[in-house]
Amino acid sequence: MIGIPWLAKGRDRSGIDCVGLALLAQRELYGREYSFPFDYDPETGDENVLLDWLEDIADEADAPHDGDLVVYRMPGIDGVVRHHIGTVVDEALLHIYPGKTSRKVKFRMKRIHKIYRAREVGACREPR
């Protein structure tokens, strides 16, 4: 999942945004199938769409664990700080932001807005 190019509203390995990468990681690494039924652009969209969706599928957590979804602050292309989503993988944050490729980075707790742990375990597929 490292090296996938950025594409706003992208949802597969040919190009992906932060929501698409989080969905792909949940499916491929943790066997969880979520839908994100909104036409959402992380660069310009209403962040409440992302935050409301997370409230529907997960509960807040105090400390990050593998598979958790993390909302973090990133400077946007317009200079405005926006919220993005990443996934905890091997004690690192798997994420992507505009103009870059997907990557894992060390946690920067000061940038984390909220950590979410999935609650829809019954609706998830069994891990492969």
C-alpha atoms as a PDB file:
ATOM      1  CA  MET A   1       0.000   0.000   0.000  1.00  0.00           C
ATOM      2  CA  ILE A   2       3.025   2.255  -0.105  1.00  0.00           C
ATOM      3  CA  GLY A   3       3.596   4.396  -3.204  1.00  0.00           C
ATOM      4  CA  ILE A   4       0.029   4.739  -4.502  1.00  0.00           C
ATOM      5  CA  PRO A   5      -0.334   8.150  -6.204  1.00  0.00           C
ATOM      6  CA  TRP A   6      -2.717  10.833  -4.950  1.00  0.00           C
ATOM      7  CA  LEU A   7      -5.990  11.272  -6.813  1.00  0.00           C
ATOM      8  CA  ALA A   8      -8.841  13.299  -5.320  1.00  0.00           C
ATOM      9  CA  LYS A   9     -11.860  11.003  -4.887  1.00  0.00           C
ATOM     10  CA  GLY A  10      -9.677   8.013  -5.953  1.00  0.00           C
ATOM     11  CA  ARG A  11     -10.667   4.662  -4.518  1.00  0.00           C
ATOM     12  CA  ASP A  12      -8.183   2.118  -5.905  1.00  0.00           C
ATOM     13  CA  ARG A  13      -4.467   1.474  -6.376  1.00  0.00           C
ATOM     14  CA  SER A  14      -4.305   3.480  -9.623  1.00  0.00           C
ATOM     15  CA  GLY A  15      -4.926   6.674  -7.616  1.00  0.00           C
ATOM     16  CA  ILE A  16      -6.303   7.317  -4.177  1.00  0.00           C
ATOM     17  CA  ASP A  17      -7.124  10.012  -1.656  1.00  0.00           C
ATOM     18  CA  CYS A  18      -6.976   9.752   2.132  1.00  0.00           C
ATOM     19  CA  VAL A  19     -10.496   8.300   2.432  1.00  0.00           C
ATOM     20  CA  GLY A  20      -9.825   5.791  -0.350  1.00  0.00           C
ATOM     21  CA  LEU A  21      -6.568   4.685   1.285  1.00  0.00           C
ATOM     22  CA  ALA A  22      -8.268   4.237   4.657  1.00  0.00           C
ATOM     23  CA  LEU A  23     -11.016   2.147   3.024  1.00  0.00           C
ATOM     24  CA  LEU A  24      -8.439   0.071   1.094  1.00  0.00           C
ATOM     25  CA  ALA A  25      -6.335  -0.539   4.230  1.00  0.00           C
ATOM     26  CA  GLN A  26      -9.379  -1.570   6.246  1.00  0.00           C
ATOM     27  CA  ARG A  27     -10.418  -4.020   3.527  1.00  0.00           C
ATOM     28  CA  GLU A  28      -7.038  -5.499   2.564  1.00  0.00           C
ATOM     29  CA  LEU A  29      -5.229  -5.472   5.906  1.00  0.00           C
ATOM     30  CA  TYR A  30      -8.036  -5.940   8.424  1.00  0.00           C
ATOM     31  CA  GLY A  31     -10.830  -7.621   6.451  1.00  0.00           C
ATOM     32  CA  ARG A  32     -13.302  -4.821   7.179  1.00  0.00           C
ATOM     33  CA  GLU A  33     -15.595  -3.718   4.391  1.00  0.00           C
ATOM     34  CA  TYR A  34     -16.879  -0.160   4.773  1.00  0.00           C
ATOM     35  CA  SER A  35     -18.632   2.015   2.264  1.00  0.00           C
ATOM     36  CA  PHE A  36     -18.173   5.741   2.129  1.00  0.00           C
ATOM     37  CA  PRO A  37     -21.303   6.769   0.270  1.00  0.00           C
ATOM     38  CA  PHE A  38     -20.427  10.419  -0.206  1.00  0.00           C
ATOM     39  CA  ASP A  39     -18.871  12.318  -3.089  1.00  0.00           C
ATOM     40  CA  TYR A  40     -16.182  13.843  -0.865  1.00  0.00           C
ATOM     41  CA  ASP A  41     -13.021  15.679  -1.865  1.00  0.00           C
ATOM     42  CA  PRO A  42     -10.548  15.892   1.060  1.00  0.00           C
ATOM     43  CA  GLU A  43      -9.030  19.058  -0.392  1.00  0.00           C
ATOM     44  CA  THR A  44     -12.239  21.075  -0.602  1.00  0.00           C
ATOM     45  CA  GLY A  45     -15.097  19.084   0.929  1.00  0.00           C
ATOM     46  CA  ASP A  46     -17.011  19.676   4.130  1.00  0.00           C
ATOM     47  CA  GLU A  47     -14.977  17.896   6.800  1.00  0.00           C
ATOM     48  CA  ASN A  48     -18.105  17.220   8.812  1.00  0.00           C
ATOM     49  CA  VAL A  49     -19.004  14.582   6.208  1.00  0.00           C
ATOM     50  CA  LEU A  50     -15.852  12.646   7.146  1.00  0.00           C
ATOM     51  CA  LEU A  51     -16.236  13.179  10.887  1.00  0.00           C
ATOM     52  CA  ASP A  52     -19.942  12.235  10.883  1.00  0.00           C
ATOM     53  CA  TRP A  53     -19.182   9.047   8.921  1.00  0.00           C
ATOM     54  CA  LEU A  54     -16.553   8.054  11.475  1.00  0.00           C
ATOM     55  CA  GLU A  55     -18.994   8.650  14.317  1.00  0.00           C
ATOM     56  CA  ASP A  56     -21.383   6.224  12.572  1.00  0.00           C
ATOM     57  CA  ILE A  57     -18.890   3.343  12.253  1.00  0.00           C
ATOM     58  CA  ALA A  58     -16.494   3.752  15.187  1.00  0.00           C
ATOM     59  CA  ASP A  59     -15.937   4.917  18.737  1.00  0.00           C
ATOM     60  CA  GLU A  60     -13.244   7.284  19.928  1.00  0.00           C
ATOM     61  CA  ALA A  61     -10.132   5.693  21.433  1.00  0.00           C
ATOM     62  CA  ASP A  62      -7.471   7.172  23.684  1.00  0.00           C
ATOM     63  CA  ALA A  63      -4.393   5.476  22.234  1.00  0.00           C
ATOM     64  CA  PRO A  64      -3.716   4.184  18.716  1.00  0.00           C
ATOM     65  CA  HIS A  65      -3.774   0.441  17.932  1.00  0.00           C
ATOM     66  CA  ASP A  66      -3.347  -1.395  14.624  1.00  0.00           C
ATOM     67  CA  GLY A  67      -6.388  -0.929  12.427  1.00  0.00           C
ATOM     68  CA  ASP A  68      -7.578   2.266  14.102  1.00  0.00           C
ATOM     69  CA  LEU A  69      -8.624   5.188  11.942  1.00  0.00           C
ATOM     70  CA  VAL A  70      -6.899   8.445  12.822  1.00  0.00           C
ATOM     71  CA  VAL A  71      -8.054  11.934  11.926  1.00  0.00           C
ATOM     72  CA  TYR A  72      -5.100  14.299  11.822  1.00  0.00           C
ATOM     73  CA  ARG A  73      -4.376  17.892  10.866  1.00  0.00           C
ATOM     74  CA  MET A  74      -2.518  18.686   7.635  1.00  0.00           C
ATOM     75  CA  PRO A  75      -1.927  22.028   5.940  1.00  0.00           C
ATOM     76  CA  GLY A  76      -4.076  22.242   2.803  1.00  0.00           C
ATOM     77  CA  ILE A  77      -2.991  23.479  -0.621  1.00  0.00           C
ATOM     78  CA  ASP A  78      -4.750  26.775   0.161  1.00  0.00           C
ATOM     79  CA  GLY A  79      -2.825  27.183   3.427  1.00  0.00           C
ATOM     80  CA  VAL A  80      -5.837  26.217   5.530  1.00  0.00           C
ATOM     81  CA  VAL A  81      -5.301  23.381   8.003  1.00  0.00           C
ATOM     82  CA  ARG A  82      -7.635  20.531   7.083  1.00  0.00           C
ATOM     83  CA  HIS A  83      -8.390  17.164   8.606  1.00  0.00           C
ATOM     84  CA  HIS A  84      -7.299  13.987   6.843  1.00  0.00           C
ATOM     85  CA  ILE A  85      -7.694  10.322   7.707  1.00  0.00           C
ATOM     86  CA  GLY A  86      -5.085   7.603   8.048  1.00  0.00           C
ATOM     87  CA  THR A  87      -4.860   4.073   9.393  1.00  0.00           C
ATOM     88  CA  VAL A  88      -2.633   2.731  12.158  1.00  0.00           C
ATOM     89  CA  VAL A  89      -0.433   0.003  10.640  1.00  0.00           C
ATOM     90  CA  ASP A  90       2.499  -1.544  12.535  1.00  0.00           C
ATOM     91  CA  GLU A  91       2.585   1.327  15.050  1.00  0.00           C
ATOM     92  CA  ALA A  92       2.864   3.877  12.226  1.00  0.00           C
ATOM     93  CA  LEU A  93       0.375   6.009  10.314  1.00  0.00           C
ATOM     94  CA  LEU A  94      -0.469   4.909   6.766  1.00  0.00           C
ATOM     95  CA  HIS A  95      -1.653   8.028   4.978  1.00  0.00           C
ATOM     96  CA  ILE A  96      -1.569  10.161   1.855  1.00  0.00           C
ATOM     97  CA  TYR A  97      -1.978  13.836   1.133  1.00  0.00           C
ATOM     98  CA  PRO A  98      -2.382  15.909  -2.034  1.00  0.00           C
ATOM     99  CA  GLY A  99       0.421  15.675  -4.572  1.00  0.00           C
ATOM    100  CA  LYS A 100       2.226  12.853  -2.752  1.00  0.00           C
ATOM    101  CA  THR A 101       2.141   9.065  -2.679  1.00  0.00           C
ATOM    102  CA  SER A 102       0.883   6.851   0.123  1.00  0.00           C
ATOM    103  CA  ARG A 103       3.387   6.261   2.921  1.00  0.00           C
ATOM    104  CA  LYS A 104       3.828   5.180   6.501  1.00  0.00           C
ATOM    105  CA  VAL A 105       5.167   7.739   8.949  1.00  0.00           C
ATOM    106  CA  LYS A 106       5.911   7.897  12.637  1.00  0.00           C
ATOM    107  CA  PHE A 107       3.056   9.196  14.775  1.00  0.00           C
ATOM    108  CA  ARG A 108       2.988  12.858  15.645  1.00  0.00           C
ATOM    109  CA  MET A 109       0.485  12.923  18.484  1.00  0.00           C
ATOM    110  CA  LYS A 110       0.285  16.725  18.383  1.00  0.00           C
ATOM    111  CA  ARG A 111      -1.264  16.506  14.888  1.00  0.00           C
ATOM    112  CA  ILE A 112      -3.874  13.914  15.838  1.00  0.00           C
ATOM    113  CA  HIS A 113      -7.402  15.265  16.136  1.00  0.00           C
ATOM    114  CA  LYS A 114      -9.139  11.982  17.072  1.00  0.00           C
ATOM    115  CA  ILE A 115      -8.524   8.231  17.045  1.00  0.00           C
ATOM    116  CA  TYR A 116     -11.391   5.904  16.129  1.00  0.00           C
ATOM    117  CA  ARG A 117     -11.810   2.174  16.707  1.00  0.00           C
ATOM    118  CA  ALA A 118     -14.311   0.287  14.515  1.00  0.00           C
ATOM    119  CA  ARG A 119     -17.469  -0.870  16.260  1.00  0.00           C
ATOM    120  CA  GLU A 120     -19.188  -2.620  13.344  1.00  0.00           C
ATOM    121  CA  VAL A 121     -17.255  -5.836  13.921  1.00  0.00           C
ATOM    122  CA  GLY A 122     -20.343  -7.974  13.223  1.00  0.00           C
ATOM    123  CA  ALA A 123     -20.701  -6.373   9.787  1.00  0.00           C
ATOM    124  CA  CYS A 124     -17.057  -6.925   8.891  1.00  0.00           C
ATOM    125  CA  ARG A 125     -15.733  -9.862   6.953  1.00  0.00           C
ATOM    126  CA  GLU A 126     -13.401 -12.287   8.712  1.00  0.00           C
ATOM    127  CA  PRO A 127      -9.686 -11.494   8.157  1.00  0.00           C
ATOM    128  CA  ARG A 128      -8.056 -13.509   5.397  1.00  0.00           C
END
